Amino acid sequence: MRRMTLIAAFCAALSAGATAQTSTTAPTPSPGAPADANAPIPGANSFTEGQAKSRLEANGCTNVSGLKKDDNGVWRATATHSGAQVNVTVDYRGNITRN
């Protein structure tokens, strides 16, 4: 009986560990990855201004200016990309859009 209790406790501990590994956060796209089709996605943005600017620069943007976070948590700026002045955004997932 004691052995059966130990086996049951062991199995319960294993299954609890497996469920603890699930994640509910969205992965942050790597620099150069295509943006989510719905980007920019509103949400609580944890990027600092410097991180948002660095992310834009890592994606080929230069002369980033006017970088401000809007009421939806999306960083917005103007920048030069491929020789053209564009409006750019960085959302809370790290998606970058240019237009």
C-alpha atoms as a PDB file:
ATOM      1  CA  MET A   1       0.000   0.000   0.000  1.00  0.00           C
ATOM      2  CA  ARG A   2       2.824   2.357   0.891  1.00  0.00           C
ATOM      3  CA  ARG A   3       4.535   1.623  -2.414  1.00  0.00           C
ATOM      4  CA  MET A   4       1.340   2.404  -4.343  1.00  0.00           C
ATOM      5  CA  THR A   5       1.040   5.768  -2.567  1.00  0.00           C
ATOM      6  CA  LEU A   6       4.632   6.660  -3.464  1.00  0.00           C
ATOM      7  CA  ILE A   7       4.080   5.740  -7.123  1.00  0.00           C
ATOM      8  CA  ALA A   8       0.900   7.837  -7.264  1.00  0.00           C
ATOM      9  CA  ALA A   9       2.689  10.819  -5.687  1.00  0.00           C
ATOM     10  CA  PHE A  10       5.569  10.471  -8.152  1.00  0.00           C
ATOM     11  CA  CYS A  11       3.222  10.395 -11.157  1.00  0.00           C
ATOM     12  CA  ALA A  12       1.322  13.435  -9.883  1.00  0.00           C
ATOM     13  CA  ALA A  13       4.586  15.358  -9.479  1.00  0.00           C
ATOM     14  CA  LEU A  14       5.647  14.505 -13.038  1.00  0.00           C
ATOM     15  CA  SER A  15       2.407  15.700 -14.581  1.00  0.00           C
ATOM     16  CA  ALA A  16       2.449  18.941 -12.565  1.00  0.00           C
ATOM     17  CA  GLY A  17       5.933  19.720 -13.861  1.00  0.00           C
ATOM     18  CA  ALA A  18       4.853  19.255 -17.460  1.00  0.00           C
ATOM     19  CA  THR A  19       1.961  21.695 -17.189  1.00  0.00           C
ATOM     20  CA  ALA A  20       4.175  24.290 -15.511  1.00  0.00           C
ATOM     21  CA  GLN A  21       6.226  24.564 -18.706  1.00  0.00           C
ATOM     22  CA  THR A  22       3.458  25.964 -20.900  1.00  0.00           C
ATOM     23  CA  SER A  23       3.703  29.623 -21.827  1.00  0.00           C
ATOM     24  CA  THR A  24       0.980  32.149 -22.577  1.00  0.00           C
ATOM     25  CA  THR A  25       3.261  34.889 -23.880  1.00  0.00           C
ATOM     26  CA  ALA A  26       3.729  35.404 -27.570  1.00  0.00           C
ATOM     27  CA  PRO A  27       7.251  34.924 -28.903  1.00  0.00           C
ATOM     28  CA  THR A  28       9.113  38.050 -29.905  1.00  0.00           C
ATOM     29  CA  PRO A  29       9.942  37.981 -33.616  1.00  0.00           C
ATOM     30  CA  SER A  30      13.640  38.017 -34.450  1.00  0.00           C
ATOM     31  CA  PRO A  31      15.026  41.025 -36.325  1.00  0.00           C
ATOM     32  CA  GLY A  32      14.147  40.774 -39.998  1.00  0.00           C
ATOM     33  CA  ALA A  33      11.219  38.407 -39.405  1.00  0.00           C
ATOM     34  CA  PRO A  34       7.969  39.330 -41.167  1.00  0.00           C
ATOM     35  CA  ALA A  35       5.467  41.184 -38.975  1.00  0.00           C
ATOM     36  CA  ASP A  36       2.254  39.572 -37.790  1.00  0.00           C
ATOM     37  CA  ALA A  37      -0.490  40.226 -40.362  1.00  0.00           C
ATOM     38  CA  ASN A  38      -2.457  42.225 -37.768  1.00  0.00           C
ATOM     39  CA  ALA A  39       0.500  44.388 -36.671  1.00  0.00           C
ATOM     40  CA  PRO A  40       0.762  46.742 -34.991  1.00  0.00           C
ATOM     41  CA  ILE A  41      -1.047  44.923 -32.208  1.00  0.00           C
ATOM     42  CA  PRO A  42      -2.150  47.068 -29.242  1.00  0.00           C
ATOM     43  CA  GLY A  43      -0.984  45.921 -25.824  1.00  0.00           C
ATOM     44  CA  ALA A  44       1.116  46.728 -22.786  1.00  0.00           C
ATOM     45  CA  ASN A  45       4.516  47.384 -24.368  1.00  0.00           C
ATOM     46  CA  SER A  46       7.517  46.553 -22.227  1.00  0.00           C
ATOM     47  CA  PHE A  47      10.122  47.799 -24.716  1.00  0.00           C
ATOM     48  CA  THR A  48      12.006  50.890 -23.604  1.00  0.00           C
ATOM     49  CA  GLU A  49      12.507  53.713 -26.083  1.00  0.00           C
ATOM     50  CA  GLY A  50      16.101  52.592 -26.603  1.00  0.00           C
ATOM     51  CA  GLN A  51      15.073  48.987 -27.205  1.00  0.00           C
ATOM     52  CA  ALA A  52      12.408  50.026 -29.716  1.00  0.00           C
ATOM     53  CA  LYS A  53      14.945  52.193 -31.575  1.00  0.00           C
ATOM     54  CA  SER A  54      17.533  49.394 -31.569  1.00  0.00           C
ATOM     55  CA  ARG A  55      14.951  46.969 -32.914  1.00  0.00           C
ATOM     56  CA  LEU A  56      14.107  49.362 -35.762  1.00  0.00           C
ATOM     57  CA  GLU A  57      17.794  49.838 -36.570  1.00  0.00           C
ATOM     58  CA  ALA A  58      18.357  46.061 -36.553  1.00  0.00           C
ATOM     59  CA  ASN A  59      15.630  45.872 -39.207  1.00  0.00           C
ATOM     60  CA  GLY A  60      17.329  48.304 -41.576  1.00  0.00           C
ATOM     61  CA  CYS A  61      15.898  51.622 -40.400  1.00  0.00           C
ATOM     62  CA  THR A  62      18.174  54.649 -40.069  1.00  0.00           C
ATOM     63  CA  ASN A  63      17.584  58.238 -38.955  1.00  0.00           C
ATOM     64  CA  VAL A  64      14.862  57.121 -36.510  1.00  0.00           C
ATOM     65  CA  SER A  65      13.179  60.250 -35.155  1.00  0.00           C
ATOM     66  CA  GLY A  66      10.097  61.280 -33.205  1.00  0.00           C
ATOM     67  CA  LEU A  67       9.897  57.926 -31.416  1.00  0.00           C
ATOM     68  CA  LYS A  68       6.886  58.017 -29.073  1.00  0.00           C
ATOM     69  CA  LYS A  69       4.666  55.376 -27.489  1.00  0.00           C
ATOM     70  CA  ASP A  70       0.969  55.934 -28.272  1.00  0.00           C
ATOM     71  CA  ASP A  71      -2.069  55.243 -26.054  1.00  0.00           C
ATOM     72  CA  ASN A  72      -2.256  51.667 -27.411  1.00  0.00           C
ATOM     73  CA  GLY A  73       1.307  50.838 -26.318  1.00  0.00           C
ATOM     74  CA  VAL A  74       2.690  50.994 -29.875  1.00  0.00           C
ATOM     75  CA  TRP A  75       5.978  52.802 -30.521  1.00  0.00           C
ATOM     76  CA  ARG A  76       5.680  55.099 -33.574  1.00  0.00           C
ATOM     77  CA  ALA A  77       8.374  57.056 -35.407  1.00  0.00           C
ATOM     78  CA  THR A  78       9.631  58.179 -38.773  1.00  0.00           C
ATOM     79  CA  ALA A  79      12.755  56.649 -40.251  1.00  0.00           C
ATOM     80  CA  THR A  80      14.649  56.079 -43.468  1.00  0.00           C
ATOM     81  CA  HIS A  81      14.382  52.604 -44.959  1.00  0.00           C
ATOM     82  CA  SER A  82      15.854  51.670 -48.344  1.00  0.00           C
ATOM     83  CA  GLY A  83      16.403  55.369 -49.062  1.00  0.00           C
ATOM     84  CA  ALA A  84      12.791  56.403 -48.419  1.00  0.00           C
ATOM     85  CA  GLN A  85      11.251  58.240 -45.476  1.00  0.00           C
ATOM     86  CA  VAL A  86       8.661  55.933 -43.858  1.00  0.00           C
ATOM     87  CA  ASN A  87       6.413  55.774 -40.823  1.00  0.00           C
ATOM     88  CA  VAL A  88       7.391  52.842 -38.598  1.00  0.00           C
ATOM     89  CA  THR A  89       5.843  51.070 -35.618  1.00  0.00           C
ATOM     90  CA  VAL A  90       6.999  48.561 -33.009  1.00  0.00           C
ATOM     91  CA  ASP A  91       4.255  46.757 -31.088  1.00  0.00           C
ATOM     92  CA  TYR A  92       4.463  44.871 -27.788  1.00  0.00           C
ATOM     93  CA  ARG A  93       5.342  41.628 -29.591  1.00  0.00           C
ATOM     94  CA  GLY A  94       8.220  43.283 -31.426  1.00  0.00           C
ATOM     95  CA  ASN A  95       6.432  43.376 -34.781  1.00  0.00           C
ATOM     96  CA  ILE A  96       7.695  46.158 -37.011  1.00  0.00           C
ATOM     97  CA  THR A  97       5.635  47.792 -39.727  1.00  0.00           C
ATOM     98  CA  ARG A  98       6.754  50.353 -42.319  1.00  0.00           C
ATOM     99  CA  ASN A  99       4.564  52.446 -44.594  1.00  0.00           C
END
